[in-house]
């Protein structure tokens, strides 16, 4: 009886999982047109802005579109009301809970609006 309980606990913990990996740091990221002559602290709009692009899957079958890095960067620029990111950090992640899961990209950095 005790072995059966231990077996179910081990299988349950093996089925629950997740991981995040730091892919790199970037001096500059943008998916929009920006003015390089206006990159200074006067044009900083927000610090530590997040953007995410993810894919959801059920039983290992993708239900939504593939995650894309440019979508994560575009979301961060939209959230920060800007057109250019500095000091950006890029992560990839995945998690799974037996039947459901998600995977994708996340970017975090300081957003500038060079068009002001």
PDB file of N, CA and C in Angstrom:
ATOM      1  N   UNK A   1       0.818  -1.199   0.000  1.00  0.00           N
ATOM      2  CA  UNK A   1       0.000   0.000   0.000  1.00  0.00           C
ATOM      3  C   UNK A   1       0.863   1.266   0.000  1.00  0.00           C
ATOM      4  N   UNK A   2       1.888   1.291   0.868  1.00  0.00           N
ATOM      5  CA  UNK A   2       2.764   2.456   0.940  1.00  0.00           C
ATOM      6  C   UNK A   2       3.540   2.647  -0.357  1.00  0.00           C
ATOM      7  N   UNK A   3       3.946   1.554  -1.002  1.00  0.00           N
ATOM      8  CA  UNK A   3       4.661   1.663  -2.266  1.00  0.00           C
ATOM      9  C   UNK A   3       3.768   2.254  -3.348  1.00  0.00           C
ATOM     10  N   UNK A   4       2.511   1.924  -3.320  1.00  0.00           N
ATOM     11  CA  UNK A   4       1.562   2.453  -4.299  1.00  0.00           C
ATOM     12  C   UNK A   4       1.391   3.961  -4.122  1.00  0.00           C
ATOM     13  N   UNK A   5       1.315   4.405  -2.895  1.00  0.00           N
ATOM     14  CA  UNK A   5       1.190   5.843  -2.622  1.00  0.00           C
ATOM     15  C   UNK A   5       2.452   6.575  -3.064  1.00  0.00           C
ATOM     16  N   UNK A   6       3.606   6.026  -2.763  1.00  0.00           N
ATOM     17  CA  UNK A   6       4.872   6.640  -3.176  1.00  0.00           C
ATOM     18  C   UNK A   6       4.952   6.695  -4.699  1.00  0.00           C
ATOM     19  N   UNK A   7       4.533   5.635  -5.367  1.00  0.00           N
ATOM     20  CA  UNK A   7       4.529   5.606  -6.830  1.00  0.00           C
ATOM     21  C   UNK A   7       3.650   6.723  -7.395  1.00  0.00           C
ATOM     22  N   UNK A   8       2.437   6.882  -6.870  1.00  0.00           N
ATOM     23  CA  UNK A   8       1.535   7.938  -7.355  1.00  0.00           C
ATOM     24  C   UNK A   8       2.099   9.336  -7.086  1.00  0.00           C
ATOM     25  N   UNK A   9       2.751   9.510  -5.952  1.00  0.00           N
ATOM     26  CA  UNK A   9       3.361  10.807  -5.660  1.00  0.00           C
ATOM     27  C   UNK A   9       4.501  11.110  -6.635  1.00  0.00           C
ATOM     28  N   UNK A  10       5.332  10.126  -6.924  1.00  0.00           N
ATOM     29  CA  UNK A  10       6.446  10.327  -7.856  1.00  0.00           C
ATOM     30  C   UNK A  10       5.921  10.638  -9.255  1.00  0.00           C
ATOM     31  N   UNK A  11       4.915   9.924  -9.710  1.00  0.00           N
ATOM     32  CA  UNK A  11       4.327  10.176 -11.032  1.00  0.00           C
ATOM     33  C   UNK A  11       3.682  11.558 -11.074  1.00  0.00           C
ATOM     34  N   UNK A  12       3.012  11.959 -10.005  1.00  0.00           N
ATOM     35  CA  UNK A  12       2.373  13.284  -9.968  1.00  0.00           C
ATOM     36  C   UNK A  12       3.403  14.402 -10.057  1.00  0.00           C
ATOM     37  N   UNK A  13       4.499  14.290  -9.307  1.00  0.00           N
ATOM     38  CA  UNK A  13       5.528  15.324  -9.358  1.00  0.00           C
ATOM     39  C   UNK A  13       6.254  15.336 -10.695  1.00  0.00           C
ATOM     40  N   UNK A  14       6.395  14.181 -11.317  1.00  0.00           N
ATOM     41  CA  UNK A  14       7.032  14.126 -12.631  1.00  0.00           C
ATOM     42  C   UNK A  14       6.152  14.774 -13.693  1.00  0.00           C
ATOM     43  N   UNK A  15       4.832  14.703 -13.518  1.00  0.00           N
ATOM     44  CA  UNK A  15       3.908  15.276 -14.499  1.00  0.00           C
ATOM     45  C   UNK A  15       3.806  16.794 -14.359  1.00  0.00           C
ATOM     46  N   UNK A  16       4.131  17.326 -13.196  1.00  0.00           N
ATOM     47  CA  UNK A  16       4.108  18.768 -12.974  1.00  0.00           C
ATOM     48  C   UNK A  16       5.519  19.283 -13.191  1.00  0.00           C
ATOM     49  N   UNK A  17       5.676  20.187 -14.129  1.00  0.00           N
ATOM     50  CA  UNK A  17       7.021  20.672 -14.374  1.00  0.00           C
ATOM     51  C   UNK A  17       7.023  22.045 -14.999  1.00  0.00           C
ATOM     52  N   UNK A  18       8.177  22.655 -14.967  1.00  0.00           N
ATOM     53  CA  UNK A  18       8.335  23.954 -15.587  1.00  0.00           C
ATOM     54  C   UNK A  18       9.793  24.337 -15.614  1.00  0.00           C
ATOM     55  N   UNK A  19      10.097  25.270 -16.479  1.00  0.00           N
ATOM     56  CA  UNK A  19      11.484  25.680 -16.631  1.00  0.00           C
ATOM     57  C   UNK A  19      11.520  27.081 -17.226  1.00  0.00           C
ATOM     58  N   UNK A  20      12.524  27.837 -16.845  1.00  0.00           N
ATOM     59  CA  UNK A  20      12.772  29.149 -17.433  1.00  0.00           C
ATOM     60  C   UNK A  20      14.260  29.242 -17.710  1.00  0.00           C
ATOM     61  N   UNK A  21      14.612  29.791 -18.859  1.00  0.00           N
ATOM     62  CA  UNK A  21      16.022  29.885 -19.220  1.00  0.00           C
ATOM     63  C   UNK A  21      16.330  31.283 -19.724  1.00  0.00           C
ATOM     64  N   UNK A  22      17.392  31.859 -19.207  1.00  0.00           N
ATOM     65  CA  UNK A  22      17.843  33.180 -19.636  1.00  0.00           C
ATOM     66  C   UNK A  22      18.607  33.014 -20.946  1.00  0.00           C
ATOM     67  N   UNK A  23      18.105  33.635 -22.022  1.00  0.00           N
ATOM     68  CA  UNK A  23      18.740  33.497 -23.330  1.00  0.00           C
ATOM     69  C   UNK A  23      19.807  34.546 -23.593  1.00  0.00           C
ATOM     70  N   UNK A  24      19.689  35.712 -22.963  1.00  0.00           N
ATOM     71  CA  UNK A  24      20.714  36.714 -23.176  1.00  0.00           C
ATOM     72  C   UNK A  24      20.276  38.114 -22.792  1.00  0.00           C
ATOM     73  N   UNK A  25      21.264  39.021 -22.764  1.00  0.00           N
ATOM     74  CA  UNK A  25      21.040  40.443 -22.516  1.00  0.00           C
ATOM     75  C   UNK A  25      21.312  41.196 -23.806  1.00  0.00           C
ATOM     76  N   UNK A  26      20.499  42.211 -24.078  1.00  0.00           N
ATOM     77  CA  UNK A  26      20.637  42.987 -25.299  1.00  0.00           C
ATOM     78  C   UNK A  26      20.735  44.466 -24.958  1.00  0.00           C
ATOM     79  N   UNK A  27      21.672  45.139 -25.598  1.00  0.00           N
ATOM     80  CA  UNK A  27      21.817  46.575 -25.402  1.00  0.00           C
ATOM     81  C   UNK A  27      20.624  47.310 -25.965  1.00  0.00           C
ATOM     82  N   UNK A  28      20.124  46.859 -27.127  1.00  0.00           N
ATOM     83  CA  UNK A  28      19.010  47.528 -27.784  1.00  0.00           C
ATOM     84  C   UNK A  28      18.123  46.510 -28.490  1.00  0.00           C
ATOM     85  N   UNK A  29      16.803  46.731 -28.409  1.00  0.00           N
ATOM     86  CA  UNK A  29      15.816  45.922 -29.125  1.00  0.00           C
ATOM     87  C   UNK A  29      14.700  46.841 -29.608  1.00  0.00           C
ATOM     88  N   UNK A  30      14.200  46.564 -30.798  1.00  0.00           N
ATOM     89  CA  UNK A  30      13.062  47.309 -31.296  1.00  0.00           C
ATOM     90  C   UNK A  30      12.429  46.555 -32.457  1.00  0.00           C
ATOM     91  N   UNK A  31      11.125  46.666 -32.566  1.00  0.00           N
ATOM     92  CA  UNK A  31      10.419  46.155 -33.741  1.00  0.00           C
ATOM     93  C   UNK A  31       9.747  47.316 -34.467  1.00  0.00           C
ATOM     94  N   UNK A  32      10.010  48.530 -34.018  1.00  0.00           N
ATOM     95  CA  UNK A  32       9.395  49.723 -34.587  1.00  0.00           C
ATOM     96  C   UNK A  32      10.482  50.644 -35.143  1.00  0.00           C
ATOM     97  N   UNK A  33      10.065  51.639 -35.882  1.00  0.00           N
ATOM     98  CA  UNK A  33      10.978  52.663 -36.364  1.00  0.00           C
ATOM     99  C   UNK A  33      11.263  53.629 -35.215  1.00  0.00           C
ATOM    100  N   UNK A  34      12.510  53.972 -35.019  1.00  0.00           N
ATOM    101  CA  UNK A  34      12.872  54.894 -33.947  1.00  0.00           C
ATOM    102  C   UNK A  34      13.915  55.874 -34.456  1.00  0.00           C
ATOM    103  N   UNK A  35      14.105  56.964 -33.713  1.00  0.00           N
ATOM    104  CA  UNK A  35      15.093  57.986 -34.062  1.00  0.00           C
ATOM    105  C   UNK A  35      16.317  57.820 -33.173  1.00  0.00           C
ATOM    106  N   UNK A  36      17.415  57.332 -33.723  1.00  0.00           N
ATOM    107  CA  UNK A  36      18.590  57.087 -32.886  1.00  0.00           C
ATOM    108  C   UNK A  36      19.181  58.353 -32.264  1.00  0.00           C
ATOM    109  N   UNK A  37      18.947  59.508 -32.862  1.00  0.00           N
ATOM    110  CA  UNK A  37      19.495  60.747 -32.289  1.00  0.00           C
ATOM    111  C   UNK A  37      18.773  61.150 -31.003  1.00  0.00           C
ATOM    112  N   UNK A  38      17.591  60.548 -30.729  1.00  0.00           N
ATOM    113  CA  UNK A  38      16.813  60.895 -29.534  1.00  0.00           C
ATOM    114  C   UNK A  38      16.938  59.854 -28.418  1.00  0.00           C
ATOM    115  N   UNK A  39      17.989  59.075 -28.427  1.00  0.00           N
ATOM    116  CA  UNK A  39      18.152  58.071 -27.380  1.00  0.00           C
ATOM    117  C   UNK A  39      18.924  58.701 -26.223  1.00  0.00           C
ATOM    118  N   UNK A  40      18.192  59.135 -25.226  1.00  0.00           N
ATOM    119  CA  UNK A  40      18.784  59.680 -24.008  1.00  0.00           C
ATOM    120  C   UNK A  40      17.767  59.519 -22.877  1.00  0.00           C
ATOM    121  N   UNK A  41      18.165  59.860 -21.672  1.00  0.00           N
ATOM    122  CA  UNK A  41      17.293  59.673 -20.506  1.00  0.00           C
ATOM    123  C   UNK A  41      16.056  60.557 -20.534  1.00  0.00           C
ATOM    124  N   UNK A  42      16.047  61.618 -21.330  1.00  0.00           N
ATOM    125  CA  UNK A  42      14.856  62.464 -21.430  1.00  0.00           C
ATOM    126  C   UNK A  42      13.708  61.741 -22.129  1.00  0.00           C
ATOM    127  N   UNK A  43      14.030  60.712 -22.904  1.00  0.00           N
ATOM    128  CA  UNK A  43      13.013  59.987 -23.659  1.00  0.00           C
ATOM    129  C   UNK A  43      12.634  58.654 -23.021  1.00  0.00           C
ATOM    130  N   UNK A  44      13.148  58.379 -21.823  1.00  0.00           N
ATOM    131  CA  UNK A  44      12.786  57.168 -21.099  1.00  0.00           C
ATOM    132  C   UNK A  44      11.338  57.268 -20.634  1.00  0.00           C
ATOM    133  N   UNK A  45      10.510  56.274 -20.978  1.00  0.00           N
ATOM    134  CA  UNK A  45       9.107  56.310 -20.556  1.00  0.00           C
ATOM    135  C   UNK A  45       8.856  55.409 -19.351  1.00  0.00           C
ATOM    136  N   UNK A  46       9.337  54.168 -19.383  1.00  0.00           N
ATOM    137  CA  UNK A  46       9.141  53.238 -18.267  1.00  0.00           C
ATOM    138  C   UNK A  46      10.359  52.332 -18.121  1.00  0.00           C
ATOM    139  N   UNK A  47      10.612  51.921 -16.880  1.00  0.00           N
ATOM    140  CA  UNK A  47      11.686  50.965 -16.602  1.00  0.00           C
ATOM    141  C   UNK A  47      11.069  49.596 -16.312  1.00  0.00           C
ATOM    142  N   UNK A  48      11.816  48.541 -16.611  1.00  0.00           N
ATOM    143  CA  UNK A  48      11.428  47.153 -16.315  1.00  0.00           C
ATOM    144  C   UNK A  48      10.054  46.785 -16.879  1.00  0.00           C
ATOM    145  N   UNK A  49       9.858  47.054 -18.131  1.00  0.00           N
ATOM    146  CA  UNK A  49       8.608  46.718 -18.813  1.00  0.00           C
ATOM    147  C   UNK A  49       8.697  45.280 -19.317  1.00  0.00           C
ATOM    148  N   UNK A  50       7.591  44.539 -19.221  1.00  0.00           N
ATOM    149  CA  UNK A  50       7.539  43.141 -19.633  1.00  0.00           C
ATOM    150  C   UNK A  50       6.706  42.971 -20.899  1.00  0.00           C
ATOM    151  N   UNK A  51       7.112  42.042 -21.721  1.00  0.00           N
ATOM    152  CA  UNK A  51       6.337  41.614 -22.875  1.00  0.00           C
ATOM    153  C   UNK A  51       6.443  40.108 -22.992  1.00  0.00           C
ATOM    154  N   UNK A  52       5.372  39.456 -23.445  1.00  0.00           N
ATOM    155  CA  UNK A  52       5.346  37.999 -23.472  1.00  0.00           C
ATOM    156  C   UNK A  52       4.655  37.506 -24.733  1.00  0.00           C
ATOM    157  N   UNK A  53       5.156  36.439 -25.294  1.00  0.00           N
ATOM    158  CA  UNK A  53       4.509  35.739 -26.396  1.00  0.00           C
ATOM    159  C   UNK A  53       4.496  34.269 -26.023  1.00  0.00           C
ATOM    160  N   UNK A  54       3.310  33.644 -26.053  1.00  0.00           N
ATOM    161  CA  UNK A  54       3.225  32.269 -25.586  1.00  0.00           C
ATOM    162  C   UNK A  54       2.390  31.388 -26.490  1.00  0.00           C
ATOM    163  N   UNK A  55       2.591  30.107 -26.333  1.00  0.00           N
ATOM    164  CA  UNK A  55       1.834  29.081 -27.036  1.00  0.00           C
ATOM    165  C   UNK A  55       1.206  28.178 -25.978  1.00  0.00           C
ATOM    166  N   UNK A  56      -0.058  27.898 -26.120  1.00  0.00           N
ATOM    167  CA  UNK A  56      -0.772  27.021 -25.201  1.00  0.00           C
ATOM    168  C   UNK A  56      -0.949  25.667 -25.872  1.00  0.00           C
ATOM    169  N   UNK A  57      -0.797  24.594 -25.096  1.00  0.00           N
ATOM    170  CA  UNK A  57      -1.024  23.275 -25.664  1.00  0.00           C
ATOM    171  C   UNK A  57      -1.811  22.401 -24.697  1.00  0.00           C
ATOM    172  N   UNK A  58      -2.590  21.489 -25.269  1.00  0.00           N
ATOM    173  CA  UNK A  58      -3.393  20.538 -24.516  1.00  0.00           C
ATOM    174  C   UNK A  58      -2.994  19.151 -24.989  1.00  0.00           C
ATOM    175  N   UNK A  59      -2.610  18.296 -24.058  1.00  0.00           N
ATOM    176  CA  UNK A  59      -2.132  16.944 -24.374  1.00  0.00           C
ATOM    177  C   UNK A  59      -0.984  16.970 -25.378  1.00  0.00           C
ATOM    178  N   UNK A  60      -0.147  17.999 -25.300  1.00  0.00           N
ATOM    179  CA  UNK A  60       0.995  18.120 -26.194  1.00  0.00           C
ATOM    180  C   UNK A  60       0.674  18.659 -27.565  1.00  0.00           C
ATOM    181  N   UNK A  61      -0.593  18.977 -27.817  1.00  0.00           N
ATOM    182  CA  UNK A  61      -1.017  19.490 -29.122  1.00  0.00           C
ATOM    183  C   UNK A  61      -1.172  21.006 -29.017  1.00  0.00           C
ATOM    184  N   UNK A  62      -0.487  21.780 -29.866  1.00  0.00           N
ATOM    185  CA  UNK A  62      -0.611  23.244 -29.813  1.00  0.00           C
ATOM    186  C   UNK A  62      -2.030  23.703 -30.139  1.00  0.00           C
ATOM    187  N   UNK A  63      -2.555  24.581 -29.289  1.00  0.00           N
ATOM    188  CA  UNK A  63      -3.898  25.124 -29.481  1.00  0.00           C
ATOM    189  C   UNK A  63      -3.836  26.534 -30.046  1.00  0.00           C
ATOM    190  N   UNK A  64      -2.756  27.231 -29.763  1.00  0.00           N
ATOM    191  CA  UNK A  64      -2.588  28.597 -30.256  1.00  0.00           C
ATOM    192  C   UNK A  64      -1.360  28.659 -31.155  1.00  0.00           C
ATOM    193  N   UNK A  65      -1.121  29.819 -31.737  1.00  0.00           N
ATOM    194  CA  UNK A  65       0.019  29.990 -32.641  1.00  0.00           C
ATOM    195  C   UNK A  65       1.353  29.862 -31.927  1.00  0.00           C
ATOM    196  N   UNK A  66       2.393  29.758 -32.712  1.00  0.00           N
ATOM    197  CA  UNK A  66       3.746  29.626 -32.167  1.00  0.00           C
ATOM    198  C   UNK A  66       4.188  30.919 -31.498  1.00  0.00           C
ATOM    199  N   UNK A  67       4.946  30.825 -30.404  1.00  0.00           N
ATOM    200  CA  UNK A  67       5.465  32.036 -29.776  1.00  0.00           C
ATOM    201  C   UNK A  67       6.530  32.669 -30.668  1.00  0.00           C
ATOM    202  N   UNK A  68       6.532  34.000 -30.719  1.00  0.00           N
ATOM    203  CA  UNK A  68       7.491  34.723 -31.551  1.00  0.00           C
ATOM    204  C   UNK A  68       8.152  35.823 -30.734  1.00  0.00           C
ATOM    205  N   UNK A  69       9.447  35.936 -30.889  1.00  0.00           N
ATOM    206  CA  UNK A  69      10.208  36.938 -30.139  1.00  0.00           C
ATOM    207  C   UNK A  69       9.765  38.351 -30.481  1.00  0.00           C
ATOM    208  N   UNK A  70       9.519  38.627 -31.765  1.00  0.00           N
ATOM    209  CA  UNK A  70       9.119  39.991 -32.135  1.00  0.00           C
ATOM    210  C   UNK A  70       7.765  40.367 -31.539  1.00  0.00           C
ATOM    211  N   UNK A  71       6.885  39.407 -31.300  1.00  0.00           N
ATOM    212  CA  UNK A  71       5.607  39.706 -30.645  1.00  0.00           C
ATOM    213  C   UNK A  71       5.819  40.090 -29.180  1.00  0.00           C
ATOM    214  N   UNK A  72       6.763  39.414 -28.515  1.00  0.00           N
ATOM    215  CA  UNK A  72       7.070  39.754 -27.127  1.00  0.00           C
ATOM    216  C   UNK A  72       7.664  41.162 -27.030  1.00  0.00           C
ATOM    217  N   UNK A  73       8.568  41.503 -27.947  1.00  0.00           N
ATOM    218  CA  UNK A  73       9.172  42.839 -27.952  1.00  0.00           C
ATOM    219  C   UNK A  73       8.111  43.893 -28.271  1.00  0.00           C
ATOM    220  N   UNK A  74       7.250  43.626 -29.258  1.00  0.00           N
ATOM    221  CA  UNK A  74       6.190  44.576 -29.626  1.00  0.00           C
ATOM    222  C   UNK A  74       5.230  44.801 -28.459  1.00  0.00           C
ATOM    223  N   UNK A  75       4.909  43.746 -27.707  1.00  0.00           N
ATOM    224  CA  UNK A  75       4.025  43.904 -26.546  1.00  0.00           C
ATOM    225  C   UNK A  75       4.681  44.758 -25.471  1.00  0.00           C
ATOM    226  N   UNK A  76       5.975  44.551 -25.231  1.00  0.00           N
ATOM    227  CA  UNK A  76       6.688  45.359 -24.242  1.00  0.00           C
ATOM    228  C   UNK A  76       6.722  46.828 -24.665  1.00  0.00           C
ATOM    229  N   UNK A  77       6.960  47.091 -25.955  1.00  0.00           N
ATOM    230  CA  UNK A  77       6.971  48.477 -26.443  1.00  0.00           C
ATOM    231  C   UNK A  77       5.587  49.108 -26.314  1.00  0.00           C
ATOM    232  N   UNK A  78       4.556  48.340 -26.569  1.00  0.00           N
ATOM    233  CA  UNK A  78       3.181  48.848 -26.426  1.00  0.00           C
ATOM    234  C   UNK A  78       2.875  49.143 -24.957  1.00  0.00           C
ATOM    235  N   UNK A  79       3.255  48.220 -24.064  1.00  0.00           N
ATOM    236  CA  UNK A  79       3.019  48.426 -22.633  1.00  0.00           C
ATOM    237  C   UNK A  79       3.790  49.626 -22.100  1.00  0.00           C
ATOM    238  N   UNK A  80       4.973  49.876 -22.641  1.00  0.00           N
ATOM    239  CA  UNK A  80       5.797  50.993 -22.188  1.00  0.00           C
ATOM    240  C   UNK A  80       5.576  52.273 -22.963  1.00  0.00           C
ATOM    241  N   UNK A  81       4.672  52.231 -23.938  1.00  0.00           N
ATOM    242  CA  UNK A  81       4.344  53.409 -24.759  1.00  0.00           C
ATOM    243  C   UNK A  81       5.594  53.997 -25.407  1.00  0.00           C
ATOM    244  N   UNK A  82       6.384  53.116 -26.033  1.00  0.00           N
ATOM    245  CA  UNK A  82       7.610  53.573 -26.667  1.00  0.00           C
ATOM    246  C   UNK A  82       7.895  52.839 -27.957  1.00  0.00           C
ATOM    247  N   UNK A  83       9.107  53.060 -28.478  1.00  0.00           N
ATOM    248  CA  UNK A  83       9.471  52.458 -29.763  1.00  0.00           C
ATOM    249  C   UNK A  83      10.860  51.830 -29.740  1.00  0.00           C
ATOM    250  N   UNK A  84      11.483  51.762 -28.560  1.00  0.00           N
ATOM    251  CA  UNK A  84      12.860  51.297 -28.471  1.00  0.00           C
ATOM    252  C   UNK A  84      13.113  50.796 -27.048  1.00  0.00           C
ATOM    253  N   UNK A  85      13.844  49.683 -26.909  1.00  0.00           N
ATOM    254  CA  UNK A  85      14.179  49.140 -25.585  1.00  0.00           C
ATOM    255  C   UNK A  85      15.687  49.119 -25.392  1.00  0.00           C
ATOM    256  N   UNK A  86      16.106  49.435 -24.178  1.00  0.00           N
ATOM    257  CA  UNK A  86      17.512  49.297 -23.796  1.00  0.00           C
ATOM    258  C   UNK A  86      17.597  48.367 -22.595  1.00  0.00           C
ATOM    259  N   UNK A  87      18.787  47.789 -22.406  1.00  0.00           N
ATOM    260  CA  UNK A  87      19.037  46.893 -21.269  1.00  0.00           C
ATOM    261  C   UNK A  87      17.994  45.773 -21.205  1.00  0.00           C
ATOM    262  N   UNK A  88      17.722  45.182 -22.342  1.00  0.00           N
ATOM    263  CA  UNK A  88      16.688  44.148 -22.433  1.00  0.00           C
ATOM    264  C   UNK A  88      17.253  42.781 -22.065  1.00  0.00           C
ATOM    265  N   UNK A  89      16.434  42.003 -21.373  1.00  0.00           N
ATOM    266  CA  UNK A  89      16.772  40.629 -21.017  1.00  0.00           C
ATOM    267  C   UNK A  89      15.738  39.706 -21.636  1.00  0.00           C
ATOM    268  N   UNK A  90      16.210  38.631 -22.257  1.00  0.00           N
ATOM    269  CA  UNK A  90      15.323  37.705 -22.956  1.00  0.00           C
ATOM    270  C   UNK A  90      15.318  36.358 -22.247  1.00  0.00           C
ATOM    271  N   UNK A  91      14.108  35.822 -22.037  1.00  0.00           N
ATOM    272  CA  UNK A  91      13.925  34.533 -21.398  1.00  0.00           C
ATOM    273  C   UNK A  91      13.020  33.658 -22.256  1.00  0.00           C
ATOM    274  N   UNK A  92      13.209  32.354 -22.152  1.00  0.00           N
ATOM    275  CA  UNK A  92      12.262  31.397 -22.701  1.00  0.00           C
ATOM    276  C   UNK A  92      11.723  30.591 -21.526  1.00  0.00           C
ATOM    277  N   UNK A  93      10.472  30.154 -21.619  1.00  0.00           N
ATOM    278  CA  UNK A  93       9.861  29.429 -20.511  1.00  0.00           C
ATOM    279  C   UNK A  93       8.934  28.342 -21.037  1.00  0.00           C
ATOM    280  N   UNK A  94       8.661  27.386 -20.201  1.00  0.00           N
ATOM    281  CA  UNK A  94       7.623  26.390 -20.442  1.00  0.00           C
ATOM    282  C   UNK A  94       7.158  25.849 -19.104  1.00  0.00           C
ATOM    283  N   UNK A  95       5.923  25.412 -19.085  1.00  0.00           N
ATOM    284  CA  UNK A  95       5.388  24.725 -17.913  1.00  0.00           C
ATOM    285  C   UNK A  95       4.331  23.739 -18.382  1.00  0.00           C
ATOM    286  N   UNK A  96       4.075  22.758 -17.543  1.00  0.00           N
ATOM    287  CA  UNK A  96       3.098  21.731 -17.881  1.00  0.00           C
ATOM    288  C   UNK A  96       2.441  21.221 -16.603  1.00  0.00           C
ATOM    289  N   UNK A  97       1.137  21.037 -16.674  1.00  0.00           N
ATOM    290  CA  UNK A  97       0.377  20.454 -15.580  1.00  0.00           C
ATOM    291  C   UNK A  97      -0.446  19.317 -16.175  1.00  0.00           C
ATOM    292  N   UNK A  98       0.124  18.158 -16.228  1.00  0.00           N
ATOM    293  CA  UNK A  98      -0.457  16.913 -16.734  1.00  0.00           C
ATOM    294  C   UNK A  98      -1.067  17.072 -18.125  1.00  0.00           C
ATOM    295  N   UNK A  99      -2.222  17.743 -18.266  1.00  0.00           N
ATOM    296  CA  UNK A  99      -2.900  17.848 -19.556  1.00  0.00           C
ATOM    297  C   UNK A  99      -2.632  19.159 -20.280  1.00  0.00           C
ATOM    298  N   UNK A 100      -2.366  20.218 -19.559  1.00  0.00           N
ATOM    299  CA  UNK A 100      -2.237  21.555 -20.129  1.00  0.00           C
ATOM    300  C   UNK A 100      -0.811  22.070 -19.957  1.00  0.00           C
ATOM    301  N   UNK A 101      -0.435  23.007 -20.810  1.00  0.00           N
ATOM    302  CA  UNK A 101       0.879  23.605 -20.677  1.00  0.00           C
ATOM    303  C   UNK A 101       1.013  24.854 -21.519  1.00  0.00           C
ATOM    304  N   UNK A 102       2.158  25.499 -21.394  1.00  0.00           N
ATOM    305  CA  UNK A 102       2.429  26.723 -22.133  1.00  0.00           C
ATOM    306  C   UNK A 102       3.938  26.847 -22.329  1.00  0.00           C
ATOM    307  N   UNK A 103       4.326  27.504 -23.406  1.00  0.00           N
ATOM    308  CA  UNK A 103       5.734  27.768 -23.690  1.00  0.00           C
ATOM    309  C   UNK A 103       5.821  29.097 -24.418  1.00  0.00           C
ATOM    310  N   UNK A 104       6.952  29.771 -24.317  1.00  0.00           N
ATOM    311  CA  UNK A 104       7.074  31.029 -25.035  1.00  0.00           C
ATOM    312  C   UNK A 104       8.302  31.830 -24.677  1.00  0.00           C
ATOM    313  N   UNK A 105       8.245  33.119 -25.040  1.00  0.00           N
ATOM    314  CA  UNK A 105       9.323  34.065 -24.804  1.00  0.00           C
ATOM    315  C   UNK A 105       8.830  35.186 -23.901  1.00  0.00           C
ATOM    316  N   UNK A 106       9.745  35.722 -23.089  1.00  0.00           N
ATOM    317  CA  UNK A 106       9.451  36.890 -22.272  1.00  0.00           C
ATOM    318  C   UNK A 106      10.636  37.837 -22.367  1.00  0.00           C
ATOM    319  N   UNK A 107      10.362  39.118 -22.514  1.00  0.00           N
ATOM    320  CA  UNK A 107      11.407  40.127 -22.599  1.00  0.00           C
ATOM    321  C   UNK A 107      11.121  41.200 -21.547  1.00  0.00           C
ATOM    322  N   UNK A 108      12.194  41.729 -20.959  1.00  0.00           N
ATOM    323  CA  UNK A 108      12.070  42.778 -19.943  1.00  0.00           C
ATOM    324  C   UNK A 108      13.158  43.805 -20.179  1.00  0.00           C
ATOM    325  N   UNK A 109      12.797  45.093 -20.090  1.00  0.00           N
ATOM    326  CA  UNK A 109      13.798  46.138 -20.277  1.00  0.00           C
ATOM    327  C   UNK A 109      13.203  47.524 -20.091  1.00  0.00           C
ATOM    328  N   UNK A 110      14.049  48.535 -20.336  1.00  0.00           N
ATOM    329  CA  UNK A 110      13.646  49.934 -20.229  1.00  0.00           C
ATOM    330  C   UNK A 110      13.174  50.423 -21.587  1.00  0.00           C
ATOM    331  N   UNK A 111      12.011  51.082 -21.612  1.00  0.00           N
ATOM    332  CA  UNK A 111      11.411  51.514 -22.872  1.00  0.00           C
ATOM    333  C   UNK A 111      11.582  53.021 -23.045  1.00  0.00           C
ATOM    334  N   UNK A 112      11.953  53.400 -24.264  1.00  0.00           N
ATOM    335  CA  UNK A 112      12.151  54.812 -24.637  1.00  0.00           C
ATOM    336  C   UNK A 112      11.188  55.162 -25.759  1.00  0.00           C
ATOM    337  N   UNK A 113      10.738  56.407 -25.784  1.00  0.00           N
ATOM    338  CA  UNK A 113       9.933  56.918 -26.884  1.00  0.00           C
ATOM    339  C   UNK A 113      10.763  58.003 -27.574  1.00  0.00           C
ATOM    340  N   UNK A 114      11.403  57.640 -28.695  1.00  0.00           N
ATOM    341  CA  UNK A 114      12.297  58.566 -29.385  1.00  0.00           C
ATOM    342  C   UNK A 114      11.562  59.522 -30.303  1.00  0.00           C
ATOM    343  N   UNK A 115      10.254  59.351 -30.449  1.00  0.00           N
ATOM    344  CA  UNK A 115       9.496  60.214 -31.363  1.00  0.00           C
ATOM    345  C   UNK A 115       8.987  61.471 -30.678  1.00  0.00           C
ATOM    346  N   UNK A 116       9.192  61.616 -29.332  1.00  0.00           N
ATOM    347  CA  UNK A 116       8.725  62.815 -28.627  1.00  0.00           C
ATOM    348  C   UNK A 116       9.568  64.011 -29.025  1.00  0.00           C
TER     349      UNK A 116
END
